[in-house]
Amino acid sequence: MAEEPRGPEKKEQQGSELGTPARHMQEAMPYISAVWKMVGGAVVGVLGGLLMDRWLGTKPWGLVGLSVVGISVGFYGFLHEMARLGKKK
């Protein structure tokens, strides 16, 4: 029986099993994750603002305020992730 490769040899062998589209998707995943951080921050801010307006009756100021906060936090997370990925390469 042949011995299973270990270390870098095993990693190369596993990567070769993937097709070209799968490898491209795997390489793009960190960037997709960064975009989802930005979108998620905006969505949480908007939904939080809508709920706060409904609960406190402050229409439209809760939506405006928390939307700005959510978009800012999401954008900060996106830039932070892009900077981290830039340092990695």
N, C-alpha and C. Protein backbone atom coordinates (compact mmCIF):
# COMPACT_ATOMS: atom_id res chain seq x y z
N MET A 1 0.83 -1.18 0.00
CA MET A 1 0.00 0.00 0.00
C MET A 1 0.88 1.25 0.00
N ALA A 2 0.41 2.26 -0.70
CA ALA A 2 1.15 3.51 -0.77
C ALA A 2 0.86 4.34 0.48
N GLU A 3 1.91 5.00 0.96
CA GLU A 3 1.76 5.83 2.14
C GLU A 3 1.13 7.17 1.76
N GLU A 4 0.22 7.68 2.60
CA GLU A 4 -0.43 8.96 2.32
C GLU A 4 0.57 10.09 2.51
N PRO A 5 0.58 11.06 1.60
CA PRO A 5 1.49 12.19 1.76
C PRO A 5 1.10 13.04 2.95
N ARG A 6 2.11 13.67 3.55
CA ARG A 6 1.88 14.53 4.71
C ARG A 6 2.44 15.90 4.44
N GLY A 7 1.98 16.90 5.23
CA GLY A 7 2.51 18.25 5.13
C GLY A 7 2.12 18.92 3.83
N PRO A 8 3.08 19.66 3.23
CA PRO A 8 2.77 20.42 2.02
C PRO A 8 2.36 19.54 0.85
N GLU A 9 2.91 18.34 0.80
CA GLU A 9 2.56 17.43 -0.30
C GLU A 9 1.07 17.10 -0.26
N LYS A 10 0.55 16.88 0.96
CA LYS A 10 -0.86 16.54 1.10
C LYS A 10 -1.73 17.73 0.70
N LYS A 11 -1.30 18.95 1.08
CA LYS A 11 -2.05 20.14 0.74
C LYS A 11 -2.12 20.34 -0.78
N GLU A 12 -1.00 20.13 -1.47
CA GLU A 12 -0.99 20.25 -2.92
C GLU A 12 -1.90 19.22 -3.56
N GLN A 13 -1.88 18.01 -3.00
CA GLN A 13 -2.70 16.94 -3.56
C GLN A 13 -4.19 17.28 -3.37
N GLN A 14 -4.56 17.83 -2.21
CA GLN A 14 -5.96 18.19 -1.98
C GLN A 14 -6.39 19.32 -2.89
N GLY A 15 -5.53 20.33 -3.09
CA GLY A 15 -5.86 21.45 -3.95
C GLY A 15 -6.03 21.04 -5.39
N SER A 16 -5.30 20.00 -5.80
CA SER A 16 -5.39 19.56 -7.19
C SER A 16 -6.71 18.85 -7.48
N GLU A 17 -7.40 18.42 -6.44
CA GLU A 17 -8.68 17.76 -6.62
C GLU A 17 -9.78 18.75 -7.00
N LEU A 18 -9.59 20.02 -6.66
CA LEU A 18 -10.59 21.03 -6.95
C LEU A 18 -10.53 21.45 -8.41
N GLY A 19 -11.67 21.75 -8.95
CA GLY A 19 -11.72 22.28 -10.30
C GLY A 19 -11.37 23.76 -10.29
N THR A 20 -11.19 24.34 -11.45
CA THR A 20 -10.81 25.74 -11.57
C THR A 20 -11.83 26.67 -10.92
N PRO A 21 -13.13 26.52 -11.18
CA PRO A 21 -14.09 27.42 -10.54
C PRO A 21 -14.08 27.31 -9.01
N ALA A 22 -13.88 26.10 -8.49
CA ALA A 22 -13.86 25.92 -7.04
C ALA A 22 -12.63 26.58 -6.43
N ARG A 23 -11.49 26.50 -7.11
CA ARG A 23 -10.29 27.16 -6.61
C ARG A 23 -10.45 28.68 -6.61
N HIS A 24 -11.06 29.21 -7.66
CA HIS A 24 -11.29 30.65 -7.73
C HIS A 24 -12.24 31.09 -6.62
N MET A 25 -13.26 30.31 -6.36
CA MET A 25 -14.21 30.63 -5.30
C MET A 25 -13.52 30.58 -3.94
N GLN A 26 -12.67 29.60 -3.74
CA GLN A 26 -11.95 29.47 -2.48
C GLN A 26 -11.02 30.68 -2.27
N GLU A 27 -10.40 31.17 -3.33
CA GLU A 27 -9.53 32.33 -3.23
C GLU A 27 -10.33 33.61 -2.98
N ALA A 28 -11.57 33.65 -3.45
CA ALA A 28 -12.40 34.85 -3.30
C ALA A 28 -13.11 34.91 -1.95
N MET A 29 -13.17 33.84 -1.21
CA MET A 29 -13.94 33.80 0.03
C MET A 29 -13.57 34.89 1.04
N PRO A 30 -12.29 35.22 1.27
CA PRO A 30 -12.01 36.29 2.23
C PRO A 30 -12.61 37.63 1.80
N TYR A 31 -12.63 37.89 0.50
CA TYR A 31 -13.18 39.15 0.01
C TYR A 31 -14.70 39.16 0.11
N ILE A 32 -15.32 38.03 -0.15
CA ILE A 32 -16.77 37.92 -0.01
C ILE A 32 -17.15 38.11 1.46
N SER A 33 -16.36 37.57 2.36
CA SER A 33 -16.60 37.73 3.79
C SER A 33 -16.52 39.20 4.19
N ALA A 34 -15.55 39.92 3.65
CA ALA A 34 -15.40 41.34 3.96
C ALA A 34 -16.62 42.14 3.48
N VAL A 35 -17.12 41.81 2.30
CA VAL A 35 -18.30 42.51 1.78
C VAL A 35 -19.51 42.22 2.66
N TRP A 36 -19.65 40.99 3.12
CA TRP A 36 -20.78 40.65 3.98
C TRP A 36 -20.72 41.39 5.31
N LYS A 37 -19.51 41.69 5.80
CA LYS A 37 -19.40 42.49 7.02
C LYS A 37 -19.98 43.88 6.80
N MET A 38 -19.70 44.46 5.64
CA MET A 38 -20.20 45.79 5.34
C MET A 38 -21.73 45.76 5.19
N VAL A 39 -22.22 44.81 4.43
CA VAL A 39 -23.67 44.71 4.20
C VAL A 39 -24.39 44.40 5.51
N GLY A 40 -23.81 43.51 6.31
CA GLY A 40 -24.43 43.14 7.58
C GLY A 40 -24.54 44.31 8.53
N GLY A 41 -23.50 45.13 8.60
CA GLY A 41 -23.55 46.31 9.46
C GLY A 41 -24.67 47.25 9.05
N ALA A 42 -24.81 47.47 7.76
CA ALA A 42 -25.87 48.36 7.26
C ALA A 42 -27.26 47.79 7.56
N VAL A 43 -27.43 46.52 7.33
CA VAL A 43 -28.74 45.88 7.56
C VAL A 43 -29.11 45.92 9.03
N VAL A 44 -28.17 45.61 9.90
CA VAL A 44 -28.45 45.64 11.34
C VAL A 44 -28.80 47.06 11.78
N GLY A 45 -28.09 48.07 11.25
CA GLY A 45 -28.40 49.45 11.61
C GLY A 45 -29.79 49.87 11.16
N VAL A 46 -30.16 49.53 9.94
CA VAL A 46 -31.48 49.91 9.41
C VAL A 46 -32.58 49.19 10.19
N LEU A 47 -32.43 47.91 10.39
CA LEU A 47 -33.47 47.17 11.13
C LEU A 47 -33.57 47.64 12.57
N GLY A 48 -32.43 47.90 13.19
CA GLY A 48 -32.44 48.42 14.56
C GLY A 48 -33.12 49.77 14.63
N GLY A 49 -32.87 50.63 13.63
CA GLY A 49 -33.51 51.94 13.59
C GLY A 49 -35.01 51.84 13.41
N LEU A 50 -35.44 50.94 12.54
CA LEU A 50 -36.89 50.75 12.35
C LEU A 50 -37.56 50.27 13.63
N LEU A 51 -36.93 49.32 14.29
CA LEU A 51 -37.49 48.80 15.55
C LEU A 51 -37.52 49.87 16.63
N MET A 52 -36.45 50.64 16.71
CA MET A 52 -36.39 51.70 17.73
C MET A 52 -37.46 52.76 17.46
N ASP A 53 -37.65 53.13 16.20
CA ASP A 53 -38.69 54.10 15.87
C ASP A 53 -40.08 53.58 16.24
N ARG A 54 -40.29 52.33 15.97
CA ARG A 54 -41.61 51.75 16.27
C ARG A 54 -41.83 51.70 17.79
N TRP A 55 -40.77 51.36 18.54
CA TRP A 55 -40.88 51.19 19.99
C TRP A 55 -41.00 52.54 20.70
N LEU A 56 -40.16 53.52 20.28
CA LEU A 56 -40.13 54.81 20.97
C LEU A 56 -40.98 55.89 20.29
N GLY A 57 -41.41 55.64 19.06
CA GLY A 57 -42.21 56.62 18.33
C GLY A 57 -41.39 57.83 17.88
N THR A 58 -40.14 57.62 17.54
CA THR A 58 -39.25 58.73 17.15
C THR A 58 -39.06 58.82 15.64
N LYS A 59 -40.02 58.34 14.91
CA LYS A 59 -39.92 58.26 13.45
C LYS A 59 -39.49 59.58 12.84
N PRO A 60 -38.56 59.73 12.00
CA PRO A 60 -37.62 58.82 11.35
C PRO A 60 -36.22 58.87 11.97
N TRP A 61 -36.06 59.51 13.14
CA TRP A 61 -34.72 59.77 13.65
C TRP A 61 -33.98 58.53 14.13
N GLY A 62 -34.64 57.57 14.64
CA GLY A 62 -33.96 56.32 15.03
C GLY A 62 -33.42 55.61 13.80
N LEU A 63 -34.21 55.58 12.73
CA LEU A 63 -33.76 54.97 11.48
C LEU A 63 -32.55 55.69 10.92
N VAL A 64 -32.60 57.01 10.90
CA VAL A 64 -31.49 57.80 10.36
C VAL A 64 -30.23 57.59 11.20
N GLY A 65 -30.37 57.71 12.50
CA GLY A 65 -29.21 57.59 13.39
C GLY A 65 -28.57 56.22 13.36
N LEU A 66 -29.38 55.19 13.53
CA LEU A 66 -28.81 53.84 13.55
C LEU A 66 -28.36 53.37 12.17
N SER A 67 -28.96 53.91 11.13
CA SER A 67 -28.47 53.58 9.78
C SER A 67 -27.06 54.13 9.58
N VAL A 68 -26.85 55.37 10.01
CA VAL A 68 -25.51 55.96 9.89
C VAL A 68 -24.51 55.18 10.72
N VAL A 69 -24.89 54.80 11.93
CA VAL A 69 -24.00 54.01 12.78
C VAL A 69 -23.72 52.64 12.15
N GLY A 70 -24.75 51.97 11.68
CA GLY A 70 -24.58 50.64 11.08
C GLY A 70 -23.71 50.68 9.83
N ILE A 71 -23.94 51.67 8.98
CA ILE A 71 -23.14 51.79 7.76
C ILE A 71 -21.70 52.11 8.12
N SER A 72 -21.49 52.96 9.11
CA SER A 72 -20.13 53.30 9.54
C SER A 72 -19.40 52.09 10.10
N VAL A 73 -20.07 51.35 10.95
CA VAL A 73 -19.45 50.15 11.53
C VAL A 73 -19.17 49.12 10.45
N GLY A 74 -20.11 48.93 9.53
CA GLY A 74 -19.89 47.99 8.44
C GLY A 74 -18.74 48.39 7.54
N PHE A 75 -18.64 49.68 7.25
CA PHE A 75 -17.56 50.17 6.40
C PHE A 75 -16.22 50.03 7.11
N TYR A 76 -16.20 50.31 8.42
CA TYR A 76 -14.97 50.13 9.20
C TYR A 76 -14.54 48.67 9.18
N GLY A 77 -15.48 47.75 9.38
CA GLY A 77 -15.17 46.33 9.35
C GLY A 77 -14.63 45.90 8.00
N PHE A 78 -15.22 46.42 6.92
CA PHE A 78 -14.76 46.12 5.57
C PHE A 78 -13.32 46.59 5.36
N LEU A 79 -13.05 47.86 5.73
CA LEU A 79 -11.70 48.39 5.55
C LEU A 79 -10.68 47.66 6.42
N HIS A 80 -11.07 47.31 7.63
CA HIS A 80 -10.18 46.57 8.52
C HIS A 80 -9.83 45.20 7.93
N GLU A 81 -10.83 44.53 7.41
CA GLU A 81 -10.61 43.21 6.80
C GLU A 81 -9.74 43.32 5.54
N MET A 82 -9.97 44.35 4.73
CA MET A 82 -9.15 44.54 3.52
C MET A 82 -7.70 44.84 3.89
N ALA A 83 -7.49 45.62 4.93
CA ALA A 83 -6.12 45.92 5.39
C ALA A 83 -5.44 44.64 5.89
N ARG A 84 -6.20 43.82 6.62
CA ARG A 84 -5.64 42.56 7.12
C ARG A 84 -5.28 41.63 5.98
N LEU A 85 -6.13 41.57 4.96
CA LEU A 85 -5.85 40.72 3.81
C LEU A 85 -4.66 41.26 3.01
N GLY A 86 -4.52 42.57 2.95
CA GLY A 86 -3.39 43.18 2.25
C GLY A 86 -2.06 42.85 2.91
N LYS A 87 -2.05 42.79 4.24
CA LYS A 87 -0.83 42.45 4.99
C LYS A 87 -0.47 40.99 4.84
N LYS A 88 -1.50 40.17 4.66
CA LYS A 88 -1.28 38.72 4.55
C LYS A 88 -0.52 38.35 3.29
N LYS A 89 -0.75 39.08 2.20
CA LYS A 89 -0.12 38.75 0.92
C LYS A 89 1.22 39.31 0.80
